[in-house]
Amino acid sequence: MERELEKTLMEIEHLIKVHEQRENTHTQSVLEQAREIIELCAQAARTPSDLKKILERDTAQAPEPAPLGMDGMVCPSCGKKALPWDRFCGECGQRFWEDE
């Protein structure tokens, strides 16, 4: 996947130069925006473990009861204290389930 993204980036760079020479600023601008998006995708593809962590963090989990002697709940990912109304962990960003 990384190679495909790199190839696409090279093609977009070429097209940007072509449209720059033709003074077609609108198309050039669109291509520059596409390049930025593809660069972000390429960065994510280079670090699949980071992407996996982000996806796991975005999967809602129920906060766990706090250990004895500690009030409230704790984050299931990092173990930091969470308040009952928190939707996300203030430490690691883990999304919490909402009790209904």
N, C-alpha and C. Protein backbone atom coordinates (compact mmCIF):
# COMPACT_ATOMS: atom_id res chain seq x y z
N MET A 1 0.82 -1.19 0.00
CA MET A 1 0.00 0.00 0.00
C MET A 1 0.87 1.26 0.00
N GLU A 2 1.96 1.22 0.78
CA GLU A 2 2.84 2.39 0.85
C GLU A 2 3.41 2.74 -0.52
N ARG A 3 3.80 1.72 -1.29
CA ARG A 3 4.35 1.98 -2.62
C ARG A 3 3.32 2.63 -3.54
N GLU A 4 2.08 2.15 -3.45
CA GLU A 4 1.02 2.73 -4.27
C GLU A 4 0.80 4.20 -3.92
N LEU A 5 0.83 4.51 -2.63
CA LEU A 5 0.65 5.89 -2.22
C LEU A 5 1.82 6.76 -2.69
N GLU A 6 3.03 6.23 -2.59
CA GLU A 6 4.20 6.98 -3.05
C GLU A 6 4.12 7.24 -4.57
N LYS A 7 3.68 6.23 -5.31
CA LYS A 7 3.53 6.38 -6.76
C LYS A 7 2.47 7.45 -7.07
N THR A 8 1.37 7.40 -6.35
CA THR A 8 0.31 8.38 -6.54
C THR A 8 0.82 9.79 -6.22
N LEU A 9 1.61 9.92 -5.16
CA LEU A 9 2.17 11.23 -4.82
C LEU A 9 3.06 11.76 -5.93
N MET A 10 3.86 10.89 -6.53
CA MET A 10 4.74 11.31 -7.62
C MET A 10 3.91 11.78 -8.82
N GLU A 11 2.84 11.05 -9.12
CA GLU A 11 1.97 11.44 -10.23
C GLU A 11 1.30 12.79 -9.96
N ILE A 12 0.86 13.00 -8.73
CA ILE A 12 0.23 14.27 -8.39
C ILE A 12 1.23 15.41 -8.47
N GLU A 13 2.45 15.18 -8.01
CA GLU A 13 3.49 16.22 -8.10
C GLU A 13 3.71 16.62 -9.56
N HIS A 14 3.74 15.63 -10.43
CA HIS A 14 3.91 15.90 -11.86
C HIS A 14 2.73 16.74 -12.39
N LEU A 15 1.51 16.34 -12.03
CA LEU A 15 0.33 17.07 -12.50
C LEU A 15 0.29 18.50 -11.95
N ILE A 16 0.74 18.68 -10.72
CA ILE A 16 0.79 20.04 -10.15
C ILE A 16 1.71 20.92 -10.99
N LYS A 17 2.87 20.39 -11.36
CA LYS A 17 3.82 21.16 -12.18
C LYS A 17 3.24 21.48 -13.55
N VAL A 18 2.57 20.50 -14.15
CA VAL A 18 1.96 20.72 -15.47
C VAL A 18 0.94 21.84 -15.39
N HIS A 19 0.07 21.81 -14.39
CA HIS A 19 -0.98 22.82 -14.28
C HIS A 19 -0.41 24.16 -13.84
N GLU A 20 0.69 24.14 -13.10
CA GLU A 20 1.36 25.38 -12.75
C GLU A 20 1.90 26.07 -14.00
N GLN A 21 2.48 25.29 -14.91
CA GLN A 21 3.00 25.83 -16.17
C GLN A 21 1.87 26.37 -17.03
N ARG A 22 0.72 25.72 -16.98
CA ARG A 22 -0.43 26.16 -17.77
C ARG A 22 -1.20 27.30 -17.09
N GLU A 23 -0.76 27.67 -15.89
CA GLU A 23 -1.40 28.70 -15.09
C GLU A 23 -2.86 28.37 -14.79
N ASN A 24 -3.14 27.10 -14.63
CA ASN A 24 -4.47 26.63 -14.26
C ASN A 24 -4.50 26.52 -12.73
N THR A 25 -4.71 27.64 -12.07
CA THR A 25 -4.58 27.70 -10.62
C THR A 25 -5.65 26.89 -9.88
N HIS A 26 -6.84 26.81 -10.43
CA HIS A 26 -7.89 26.06 -9.74
C HIS A 26 -7.52 24.57 -9.66
N THR A 27 -7.18 23.98 -10.79
CA THR A 27 -6.82 22.56 -10.80
C THR A 27 -5.56 22.33 -9.97
N GLN A 28 -4.62 23.25 -10.04
CA GLN A 28 -3.40 23.14 -9.25
C GLN A 28 -3.75 23.12 -7.75
N SER A 29 -4.64 23.98 -7.34
CA SER A 29 -5.06 24.05 -5.94
C SER A 29 -5.71 22.74 -5.49
N VAL A 30 -6.59 22.19 -6.33
CA VAL A 30 -7.25 20.93 -6.01
C VAL A 30 -6.21 19.81 -5.88
N LEU A 31 -5.26 19.77 -6.79
CA LEU A 31 -4.21 18.75 -6.75
C LEU A 31 -3.34 18.90 -5.49
N GLU A 32 -3.07 20.12 -5.08
CA GLU A 32 -2.28 20.34 -3.88
C GLU A 32 -3.02 19.84 -2.64
N GLN A 33 -4.33 20.03 -2.61
CA GLN A 33 -5.13 19.51 -1.50
C GLN A 33 -5.13 17.98 -1.50
N ALA A 34 -5.24 17.39 -2.69
CA ALA A 34 -5.19 15.94 -2.80
C ALA A 34 -3.84 15.41 -2.33
N ARG A 35 -2.77 16.12 -2.67
CA ARG A 35 -1.43 15.71 -2.23
C ARG A 35 -1.35 15.68 -0.70
N GLU A 36 -1.89 16.71 -0.05
CA GLU A 36 -1.86 16.76 1.40
C GLU A 36 -2.59 15.57 2.02
N ILE A 37 -3.74 15.23 1.46
CA ILE A 37 -4.52 14.11 1.98
C ILE A 37 -3.76 12.80 1.78
N ILE A 38 -3.19 12.61 0.61
CA ILE A 38 -2.47 11.37 0.32
C ILE A 38 -1.20 11.27 1.17
N GLU A 39 -0.55 12.40 1.44
CA GLU A 39 0.62 12.38 2.31
C GLU A 39 0.24 11.90 3.71
N LEU A 40 -0.92 12.36 4.20
CA LEU A 40 -1.39 11.90 5.51
C LEU A 40 -1.67 10.40 5.49
N CYS A 41 -2.27 9.92 4.42
CA CYS A 41 -2.53 8.48 4.28
C CYS A 41 -1.22 7.70 4.22
N ALA A 42 -0.24 8.23 3.52
CA ALA A 42 1.06 7.56 3.42
C ALA A 42 1.73 7.50 4.79
N GLN A 43 1.61 8.55 5.58
CA GLN A 43 2.18 8.54 6.92
C GLN A 43 1.51 7.48 7.78
N ALA A 44 0.20 7.37 7.66
CA ALA A 44 -0.53 6.36 8.43
C ALA A 44 -0.13 4.95 7.98
N ALA A 45 0.10 4.78 6.68
CA ALA A 45 0.47 3.47 6.16
C ALA A 45 1.87 3.07 6.63
N ARG A 46 2.73 4.07 6.89
CA ARG A 46 4.08 3.76 7.35
C ARG A 46 4.11 3.32 8.79
N THR A 47 3.06 3.62 9.54
CA THR A 47 3.03 3.26 10.95
C THR A 47 1.72 2.53 11.27
N PRO A 48 1.58 1.30 10.80
CA PRO A 48 0.32 0.58 11.02
C PRO A 48 0.04 0.34 12.51
N SER A 49 1.07 0.20 13.33
CA SER A 49 0.81 -0.01 14.75
C SER A 49 0.19 1.23 15.38
N ASP A 50 0.63 2.42 14.95
CA ASP A 50 0.02 3.65 15.45
C ASP A 50 -1.42 3.75 15.00
N LEU A 51 -1.69 3.40 13.74
CA LEU A 51 -3.05 3.43 13.23
C LEU A 51 -3.93 2.45 14.00
N LYS A 52 -3.40 1.28 14.30
CA LYS A 52 -4.14 0.28 15.06
C LYS A 52 -4.49 0.81 16.45
N LYS A 53 -3.53 1.50 17.09
CA LYS A 53 -3.78 2.07 18.42
C LYS A 53 -4.90 3.11 18.36
N ILE A 54 -4.89 3.93 17.33
CA ILE A 54 -5.92 4.96 17.18
C ILE A 54 -7.28 4.30 17.00
N LEU A 55 -7.36 3.27 16.16
CA LEU A 55 -8.63 2.59 15.94
C LEU A 55 -9.12 1.91 17.21
N GLU A 56 -8.21 1.30 17.97
CA GLU A 56 -8.60 0.66 19.22
C GLU A 56 -9.08 1.69 20.24
N ARG A 57 -8.39 2.82 20.29
CA ARG A 57 -8.75 3.88 21.23
C ARG A 57 -10.13 4.44 20.89
N ASP A 58 -10.48 4.47 19.61
CA ASP A 58 -11.76 5.02 19.19
C ASP A 58 -12.89 4.03 19.40
N THR A 59 -12.58 2.77 19.65
CA THR A 59 -13.62 1.78 19.94
C THR A 59 -14.03 1.96 21.40
N ALA A 60 -15.28 2.31 21.61
CA ALA A 60 -15.76 2.61 22.96
C ALA A 60 -15.61 1.40 23.87
N GLN A 61 -15.14 1.67 25.08
CA GLN A 61 -15.02 0.64 26.11
C GLN A 61 -15.63 1.16 27.40
N ALA A 62 -16.12 0.26 28.21
CA ALA A 62 -16.70 0.67 29.49
C ALA A 62 -15.59 0.97 30.48
N PRO A 63 -15.69 2.10 31.20
CA PRO A 63 -14.73 2.35 32.28
C PRO A 63 -14.86 1.24 33.32
N GLU A 64 -13.78 0.93 33.98
CA GLU A 64 -13.78 -0.13 34.98
C GLU A 64 -13.95 0.46 36.37
N PRO A 65 -14.54 -0.31 37.28
CA PRO A 65 -14.65 0.20 38.65
C PRO A 65 -13.26 0.48 39.22
N ALA A 66 -13.17 1.55 39.99
CA ALA A 66 -11.89 1.90 40.60
C ALA A 66 -11.54 0.89 41.68
N PRO A 67 -10.25 0.70 41.94
CA PRO A 67 -9.85 -0.22 43.00
C PRO A 67 -10.34 0.26 44.37
N LEU A 68 -10.34 -0.63 45.32
CA LEU A 68 -10.79 -0.28 46.66
C LEU A 68 -10.00 0.92 47.18
N GLY A 69 -10.70 1.82 47.84
CA GLY A 69 -10.07 3.01 48.38
C GLY A 69 -10.03 4.16 47.40
N MET A 70 -10.51 3.94 46.19
CA MET A 70 -10.51 5.00 45.18
C MET A 70 -11.94 5.13 44.65
N ASP A 71 -12.47 6.33 44.64
CA ASP A 71 -13.84 6.55 44.15
C ASP A 71 -13.88 6.57 42.63
N GLY A 72 -15.07 6.27 42.07
CA GLY A 72 -15.30 6.42 40.64
C GLY A 72 -14.87 5.25 39.81
N MET A 73 -14.39 5.58 38.61
CA MET A 73 -14.03 4.58 37.61
C MET A 73 -12.60 4.84 37.14
N VAL A 74 -12.05 3.88 36.41
CA VAL A 74 -10.73 4.06 35.80
C VAL A 74 -10.81 3.67 34.32
N CYS A 75 -9.94 4.26 33.54
CA CYS A 75 -9.87 3.97 32.11
C CYS A 75 -9.37 2.55 31.90
N PRO A 76 -10.03 1.77 31.03
CA PRO A 76 -9.58 0.41 30.77
C PRO A 76 -8.27 0.34 29.98
N SER A 77 -7.88 1.45 29.36
CA SER A 77 -6.65 1.45 28.56
C SER A 77 -5.43 1.84 29.36
N CYS A 78 -5.55 2.91 30.15
CA CYS A 78 -4.35 3.42 30.84
C CYS A 78 -4.45 3.35 32.35
N GLY A 79 -5.65 3.09 32.89
CA GLY A 79 -5.81 2.95 34.34
C GLY A 79 -5.96 4.26 35.09
N LYS A 80 -6.04 5.39 34.39
CA LYS A 80 -6.19 6.68 35.06
C LYS A 80 -7.65 6.87 35.49
N LYS A 81 -7.84 7.69 36.54
CA LYS A 81 -9.18 7.93 37.08
C LYS A 81 -10.07 8.59 36.04
N ALA A 82 -11.32 8.16 35.97
CA ALA A 82 -12.32 8.74 35.08
C ALA A 82 -13.53 9.11 35.91
N LEU A 83 -14.11 10.22 35.60
CA LEU A 83 -15.32 10.66 36.28
C LEU A 83 -16.54 10.05 35.60
N PRO A 84 -17.63 9.87 36.33
CA PRO A 84 -18.81 9.20 35.76
C PRO A 84 -19.34 9.86 34.49
N TRP A 85 -19.18 11.16 34.33
CA TRP A 85 -19.71 11.87 33.17
C TRP A 85 -18.71 11.99 32.02
N ASP A 86 -17.50 11.51 32.22
CA ASP A 86 -16.49 11.58 31.15
C ASP A 86 -16.88 10.69 29.97
N ARG A 87 -16.70 11.21 28.78
CA ARG A 87 -16.92 10.42 27.56
C ARG A 87 -15.61 9.91 27.00
N PHE A 88 -14.51 10.58 27.39
CA PHE A 88 -13.17 10.20 26.94
C PHE A 88 -12.22 10.26 28.12
N CYS A 89 -11.19 9.47 28.08
CA CYS A 89 -10.16 9.52 29.11
C CYS A 89 -9.35 10.80 28.91
N GLY A 90 -9.15 11.54 29.98
CA GLY A 90 -8.37 12.77 29.90
C GLY A 90 -6.89 12.52 29.71
N GLU A 91 -6.44 11.30 29.95
CA GLU A 91 -5.02 10.96 29.82
C GLU A 91 -4.67 10.41 28.44
N CYS A 92 -5.38 9.37 28.01
CA CYS A 92 -5.00 8.69 26.75
C CYS A 92 -5.99 8.90 25.61
N GLY A 93 -7.18 9.46 25.90
CA GLY A 93 -8.15 9.72 24.84
C GLY A 93 -9.10 8.57 24.56
N GLN A 94 -9.01 7.48 25.32
CA GLN A 94 -9.90 6.33 25.12
C GLN A 94 -11.35 6.78 25.22
N ARG A 95 -12.18 6.35 24.25
CA ARG A 95 -13.60 6.68 24.26
C ARG A 95 -14.32 5.68 25.16
N PHE A 96 -15.25 6.19 25.98
CA PHE A 96 -16.00 5.34 26.91
C PHE A 96 -17.39 5.06 26.38
N TRP A 97 -17.93 3.91 26.80
CA TRP A 97 -19.33 3.60 26.53
C TRP A 97 -20.19 4.53 27.31
N GLU A 98 -21.34 4.82 26.75
CA GLU A 98 -22.33 5.58 27.51
C GLU A 98 -23.34 4.60 28.06
N ASP A 99 -23.55 4.64 29.38
CA ASP A 99 -24.57 3.79 30.00
C ASP A 99 -25.94 4.37 29.68
N GLU A 100 -26.85 3.48 29.32
CA GLU A 100 -28.20 3.95 29.01
C GLU A 100 -29.18 3.43 30.02
